[in-house]
């Protein structure tokens, strides 16, 4: 069954229209997503949990990604989407108070035009506690932030997103953590 999103305008205001997922990604219709970055601090270094996306994903299949998350389905808010996505993708049950709220980014990557609300979750549990229910994640691993940047620089084709965007996210997290 096809998903529907609430359409927003270029200023992230609801238009009152809904749009099919397949249509949004080919016609450039604005919509909302959440991105959740799992991180840990170790020896004054920041590590991010990265994952290899499923081969079946319509966007960036079989590539490494630094974020989890998904689209806000019609009538749903950020909070319930974050909770649902972390449960579906990783088997995590979290409370919204466990999250650090970042910024919302306007991403005009036509035809994928979206507003991405960023959240951070410091994850200190063992990775063996994670389960993969929805088939969107093939593999996970911790990577030091500097190793991610180096890999994105030297192996662009294996990543779902680019180095500059990750550096911006990294700076935001450092600012939120007071580093």
C-alpha atoms as a PDB file:
ATOM      1  CA  UNK A   1       0.000   0.000   0.000  1.00  0.00           C
ATOM      2  CA  UNK A   2       1.356   3.395  -0.990  1.00  0.00           C
ATOM      3  CA  UNK A   3       2.203   5.950   1.703  1.00  0.00           C
ATOM      4  CA  UNK A   4       0.788   9.465   1.674  1.00  0.00           C
ATOM      5  CA  UNK A   5       2.544  12.538   3.048  1.00  0.00           C
ATOM      6  CA  UNK A   6       1.228  15.948   4.013  1.00  0.00           C
ATOM      7  CA  UNK A   7       2.423  18.406   1.391  1.00  0.00           C
ATOM      8  CA  UNK A   8       4.087  21.590   2.613  1.00  0.00           C
ATOM      9  CA  UNK A   9       5.107  24.706   0.738  1.00  0.00           C
ATOM     10  CA  UNK A  10       8.623  26.143   0.325  1.00  0.00           C
ATOM     11  CA  UNK A  11       8.282  27.703   3.808  1.00  0.00           C
ATOM     12  CA  UNK A  12       7.365  24.389   5.505  1.00  0.00           C
ATOM     13  CA  UNK A  13       3.710  25.389   5.929  1.00  0.00           C
ATOM     14  CA  UNK A  14       1.021  22.754   5.390  1.00  0.00           C
ATOM     15  CA  UNK A  15      -0.849  23.216   2.109  1.00  0.00           C
ATOM     16  CA  UNK A  16      -3.817  21.026   3.072  1.00  0.00           C
ATOM     17  CA  UNK A  17      -2.938  18.647   0.225  1.00  0.00           C
ATOM     18  CA  UNK A  18      -1.622  15.115   0.453  1.00  0.00           C
ATOM     19  CA  UNK A  19       0.898  13.544  -1.895  1.00  0.00           C
ATOM     20  CA  UNK A  20       1.829   9.939  -2.659  1.00  0.00           C
ATOM     21  CA  UNK A  21       5.397   8.962  -1.766  1.00  0.00           C
ATOM     22  CA  UNK A  22       6.111   7.888  -5.357  1.00  0.00           C
ATOM     23  CA  UNK A  23       4.800  11.198  -6.676  1.00  0.00           C
ATOM     24  CA  UNK A  24       6.662  13.347  -4.149  1.00  0.00           C
ATOM     25  CA  UNK A  25      10.023  11.918  -5.177  1.00  0.00           C
ATOM     26  CA  UNK A  26       9.554  12.487  -8.893  1.00  0.00           C
ATOM     27  CA  UNK A  27       7.601  15.738  -9.029  1.00  0.00           C
ATOM     28  CA  UNK A  28       9.466  17.781  -6.437  1.00  0.00           C
ATOM     29  CA  UNK A  29       6.547  18.128  -4.021  1.00  0.00           C
ATOM     30  CA  UNK A  30       7.695  19.468  -0.649  1.00  0.00           C
ATOM     31  CA  UNK A  31       7.252  17.156   2.345  1.00  0.00           C
ATOM     32  CA  UNK A  32       8.716  16.481   5.806  1.00  0.00           C
ATOM     33  CA  UNK A  33      11.146  13.901   7.165  1.00  0.00           C
ATOM     34  CA  UNK A  34      12.948  13.202  10.421  1.00  0.00           C
ATOM     35  CA  UNK A  35      16.630  12.273  10.646  1.00  0.00           C
ATOM     36  CA  UNK A  36      17.914  10.662  13.824  1.00  0.00           C
ATOM     37  CA  UNK A  37      21.641  10.387  14.497  1.00  0.00           C
ATOM     38  CA  UNK A  38      22.758   7.865  17.114  1.00  0.00           C
ATOM     39  CA  UNK A  39      26.056   8.797  18.680  1.00  0.00           C
ATOM     40  CA  UNK A  40      28.330   7.970  21.580  1.00  0.00           C
ATOM     41  CA  UNK A  41      31.245   9.736  23.219  1.00  0.00           C
ATOM     42  CA  UNK A  42      34.435   7.802  23.827  1.00  0.00           C
ATOM     43  CA  UNK A  43      37.784   9.283  24.870  1.00  0.00           C
ATOM     44  CA  UNK A  44      36.634  12.787  23.846  1.00  0.00           C
ATOM     45  CA  UNK A  45      35.731  11.486  20.374  1.00  0.00           C
ATOM     46  CA  UNK A  46      32.286  11.349  18.813  1.00  0.00           C
ATOM     47  CA  UNK A  47      31.225   8.123  17.150  1.00  0.00           C
ATOM     48  CA  UNK A  48      28.144   7.701  14.978  1.00  0.00           C
ATOM     49  CA  UNK A  49      26.177   4.546  14.379  1.00  0.00           C
ATOM     50  CA  UNK A  50      26.165   4.092  10.612  1.00  0.00           C
ATOM     51  CA  UNK A  51      24.149   1.581   8.658  1.00  0.00           C
ATOM     52  CA  UNK A  52      24.102   0.001   5.237  1.00  0.00           C
ATOM     53  CA  UNK A  53      20.749   0.734   3.625  1.00  0.00           C
ATOM     54  CA  UNK A  54      18.666  -2.042   2.138  1.00  0.00           C
ATOM     55  CA  UNK A  55      19.060  -2.926  -1.542  1.00  0.00           C
ATOM     56  CA  UNK A  56      15.291  -2.367  -1.859  1.00  0.00           C
ATOM     57  CA  UNK A  57      15.277   1.331  -0.814  1.00  0.00           C
ATOM     58  CA  UNK A  58      14.020   3.715  -3.514  1.00  0.00           C
ATOM     59  CA  UNK A  59      16.589   6.361  -2.532  1.00  0.00           C
ATOM     60  CA  UNK A  60      20.294   5.491  -2.121  1.00  0.00           C
ATOM     61  CA  UNK A  61      19.962   1.703  -1.932  1.00  0.00           C
ATOM     62  CA  UNK A  62      22.961  -0.326  -0.741  1.00  0.00           C
ATOM     63  CA  UNK A  63      24.830   2.739   0.571  1.00  0.00           C
ATOM     64  CA  UNK A  64      26.089   3.649   4.022  1.00  0.00           C
ATOM     65  CA  UNK A  65      24.128   6.255   5.962  1.00  0.00           C
ATOM     66  CA  UNK A  66      24.842   8.236   9.132  1.00  0.00           C
ATOM     67  CA  UNK A  67      21.182   8.766   9.990  1.00  0.00           C
ATOM     68  CA  UNK A  68      18.043   6.796  10.636  1.00  0.00           C
ATOM     69  CA  UNK A  69      14.524   8.063  10.144  1.00  0.00           C
ATOM     70  CA  UNK A  70      11.842   8.499   7.599  1.00  0.00           C
ATOM     71  CA  UNK A  71       8.999  10.496   6.163  1.00  0.00           C
ATOM     72  CA  UNK A  72       6.157  11.985   8.171  1.00  0.00           C
ATOM     73  CA  UNK A  73       3.095  10.140   6.994  1.00  0.00           C
ATOM     74  CA  UNK A  74      -0.136  12.029   6.456  1.00  0.00           C
ATOM     75  CA  UNK A  75      -1.495  13.382   9.744  1.00  0.00           C
ATOM     76  CA  UNK A  76       1.562  12.356  11.797  1.00  0.00           C
ATOM     77  CA  UNK A  77       3.896  14.604  13.782  1.00  0.00           C
ATOM     78  CA  UNK A  78       7.644  14.610  14.284  1.00  0.00           C
ATOM     79  CA  UNK A  79       7.573  12.976  17.706  1.00  0.00           C
ATOM     80  CA  UNK A  80       5.489   9.975  16.777  1.00  0.00           C
ATOM     81  CA  UNK A  81       7.475   9.568  13.554  1.00  0.00           C
ATOM     82  CA  UNK A  82      10.809   9.530  15.429  1.00  0.00           C
ATOM     83  CA  UNK A  83       9.505   6.989  17.955  1.00  0.00           C
ATOM     84  CA  UNK A  84       8.003   4.821  15.209  1.00  0.00           C
ATOM     85  CA  UNK A  85      11.053   4.910  12.943  1.00  0.00           C
ATOM     86  CA  UNK A  86      13.503   4.002  15.724  1.00  0.00           C
ATOM     87  CA  UNK A  87      11.245   1.135  16.736  1.00  0.00           C
ATOM     88  CA  UNK A  88      10.771  -0.131  13.166  1.00  0.00           C
ATOM     89  CA  UNK A  89      14.384   0.255  12.037  1.00  0.00           C
ATOM     90  CA  UNK A  90      16.258  -0.663  15.243  1.00  0.00           C
ATOM     91  CA  UNK A  91      13.767  -2.149  17.694  1.00  0.00           C
ATOM     92  CA  UNK A  92      14.344   0.768  20.091  1.00  0.00           C
ATOM     93  CA  UNK A  93      11.649   1.995  22.452  1.00  0.00           C
ATOM     94  CA  UNK A  94      12.532   5.516  23.495  1.00  0.00           C
ATOM     95  CA  UNK A  95      10.948   8.486  25.176  1.00  0.00           C
ATOM     96  CA  UNK A  96      11.067  11.847  23.400  1.00  0.00           C
ATOM     97  CA  UNK A  97      12.879  13.326  26.415  1.00  0.00           C
ATOM     98  CA  UNK A  98      15.852  11.062  25.550  1.00  0.00           C
ATOM     99  CA  UNK A  99      16.405  12.977  22.309  1.00  0.00           C
ATOM    100  CA  UNK A 100      18.366  16.128  21.621  1.00  0.00           C
ATOM    101  CA  UNK A 101      16.466  18.289  19.133  1.00  0.00           C
ATOM    102  CA  UNK A 102      18.559  19.772  16.374  1.00  0.00           C
ATOM    103  CA  UNK A 103      17.622  22.125  13.552  1.00  0.00           C
ATOM    104  CA  UNK A 104      15.248  21.691  10.642  1.00  0.00           C
ATOM    105  CA  UNK A 105      17.005  21.818   7.287  1.00  0.00           C
ATOM    106  CA  UNK A 106      15.466  22.814   3.979  1.00  0.00           C
ATOM    107  CA  UNK A 107      16.760  20.343   1.385  1.00  0.00           C
ATOM    108  CA  UNK A 108      15.985  21.335  -2.175  1.00  0.00           C
ATOM    109  CA  UNK A 109      17.477  18.346  -3.966  1.00  0.00           C
ATOM    110  CA  UNK A 110      14.956  18.305  -6.790  1.00  0.00           C
ATOM    111  CA  UNK A 111      13.046  16.104  -7.245  1.00  0.00           C
ATOM    112  CA  UNK A 112      13.394  15.189  -3.547  1.00  0.00           C
ATOM    113  CA  UNK A 113      12.348  18.438  -1.829  1.00  0.00           C
ATOM    114  CA  UNK A 114      11.991  18.082   1.904  1.00  0.00           C
ATOM    115  CA  UNK A 115      12.288  19.664   5.313  1.00  0.00           C
ATOM    116  CA  UNK A 116      14.414  17.428   7.532  1.00  0.00           C
ATOM    117  CA  UNK A 117      14.010  17.805  11.290  1.00  0.00           C
ATOM    118  CA  UNK A 118      17.129  16.502  13.025  1.00  0.00           C
ATOM    119  CA  UNK A 119      17.277  14.652  16.322  1.00  0.00           C
ATOM    120  CA  UNK A 120      20.234  13.139  18.176  1.00  0.00           C
ATOM    121  CA  UNK A 121      20.190  10.156  20.519  1.00  0.00           C
ATOM    122  CA  UNK A 122      23.152   9.252  22.696  1.00  0.00           C
ATOM    123  CA  UNK A 123      23.183   5.461  22.565  1.00  0.00           C
ATOM    124  CA  UNK A 124      25.183   3.728  25.274  1.00  0.00           C
ATOM    125  CA  UNK A 125      23.694   0.223  25.136  1.00  0.00           C
ATOM    126  CA  UNK A 126      25.274  -2.752  23.436  1.00  0.00           C
ATOM    127  CA  UNK A 127      24.521  -3.035  19.706  1.00  0.00           C
ATOM    128  CA  UNK A 128      23.283  -6.597  20.268  1.00  0.00           C
ATOM    129  CA  UNK A 129      20.142  -5.057  21.826  1.00  0.00           C
ATOM    130  CA  UNK A 130      19.113  -3.667  18.435  1.00  0.00           C
ATOM    131  CA  UNK A 131      16.758  -5.603  16.196  1.00  0.00           C
ATOM    132  CA  UNK A 132      15.915  -4.956  12.577  1.00  0.00           C
ATOM    133  CA  UNK A 133      12.204  -5.402  11.948  1.00  0.00           C
ATOM    134  CA  UNK A 134      11.501  -3.673   8.651  1.00  0.00           C
ATOM    135  CA  UNK A 135      14.319  -4.871   6.397  1.00  0.00           C
ATOM    136  CA  UNK A 136      15.654  -1.345   5.785  1.00  0.00           C
ATOM    137  CA  UNK A 137      19.010  -1.949   7.500  1.00  0.00           C
ATOM    138  CA  UNK A 138      21.511  -4.558   6.298  1.00  0.00           C
ATOM    139  CA  UNK A 139      24.394  -3.867   8.672  1.00  0.00           C
ATOM    140  CA  UNK A 140      25.434  -1.414  11.400  1.00  0.00           C
ATOM    141  CA  UNK A 141      28.734  -0.296  12.888  1.00  0.00           C
ATOM    142  CA  UNK A 142      30.218   2.512  14.973  1.00  0.00           C
ATOM    143  CA  UNK A 143      32.503   4.924  13.143  1.00  0.00           C
ATOM    144  CA  UNK A 144      34.560   7.766  14.544  1.00  0.00           C
ATOM    145  CA  UNK A 145      33.368  11.086  13.075  1.00  0.00           C
ATOM    146  CA  UNK A 146      36.770  11.801  11.486  1.00  0.00           C
ATOM    147  CA  UNK A 147      36.753   8.378   9.780  1.00  0.00           C
ATOM    148  CA  UNK A 148      33.309   9.094   8.359  1.00  0.00           C
ATOM    149  CA  UNK A 149      34.511  12.407   6.947  1.00  0.00           C
ATOM    150  CA  UNK A 150      37.588  10.772   5.413  1.00  0.00           C
ATOM    151  CA  UNK A 151      35.519   7.984   3.873  1.00  0.00           C
ATOM    152  CA  UNK A 152      32.973  10.449   2.482  1.00  0.00           C
ATOM    153  CA  UNK A 153      35.840  12.375   0.941  1.00  0.00           C
ATOM    154  CA  UNK A 154      37.570   9.350  -0.620  1.00  0.00           C
ATOM    155  CA  UNK A 155      34.645   6.988  -1.270  1.00  0.00           C
ATOM    156  CA  UNK A 156      31.722   9.267  -2.131  1.00  0.00           C
ATOM    157  CA  UNK A 157      29.833   6.537  -3.993  1.00  0.00           C
ATOM    158  CA  UNK A 158      29.349   4.326  -0.933  1.00  0.00           C
ATOM    159  CA  UNK A 159      27.520   7.008   1.110  1.00  0.00           C
ATOM    160  CA  UNK A 160      23.866   8.091   0.964  1.00  0.00           C
ATOM    161  CA  UNK A 161      24.762  11.677   1.879  1.00  0.00           C
ATOM    162  CA  UNK A 162      27.699  14.004   1.392  1.00  0.00           C
ATOM    163  CA  UNK A 163      30.579  15.200   3.517  1.00  0.00           C
ATOM    164  CA  UNK A 164      29.453  18.844   3.759  1.00  0.00           C
ATOM    165  CA  UNK A 165      26.037  17.901   5.131  1.00  0.00           C
ATOM    166  CA  UNK A 166      27.605  15.573   7.674  1.00  0.00           C
ATOM    167  CA  UNK A 167      30.070  18.257   8.782  1.00  0.00           C
ATOM    168  CA  UNK A 168      27.142  20.619   9.341  1.00  0.00           C
ATOM    169  CA  UNK A 169      25.358  17.986  11.453  1.00  0.00           C
ATOM    170  CA  UNK A 170      28.574  17.317  13.382  1.00  0.00           C
ATOM    171  CA  UNK A 171      29.000  21.035  14.148  1.00  0.00           C
ATOM    172  CA  UNK A 172      25.378  21.244  15.287  1.00  0.00           C
ATOM    173  CA  UNK A 173      25.816  18.289  17.642  1.00  0.00           C
ATOM    174  CA  UNK A 174      29.046  19.693  19.066  1.00  0.00           C
ATOM    175  CA  UNK A 175      27.281  23.000  19.686  1.00  0.00           C
ATOM    176  CA  UNK A 176      24.372  21.289  21.396  1.00  0.00           C
ATOM    177  CA  UNK A 177      26.787  19.307  23.580  1.00  0.00           C
ATOM    178  CA  UNK A 178      28.777  22.450  24.415  1.00  0.00           C
ATOM    179  CA  UNK A 179      31.988  21.196  22.755  1.00  0.00           C
END
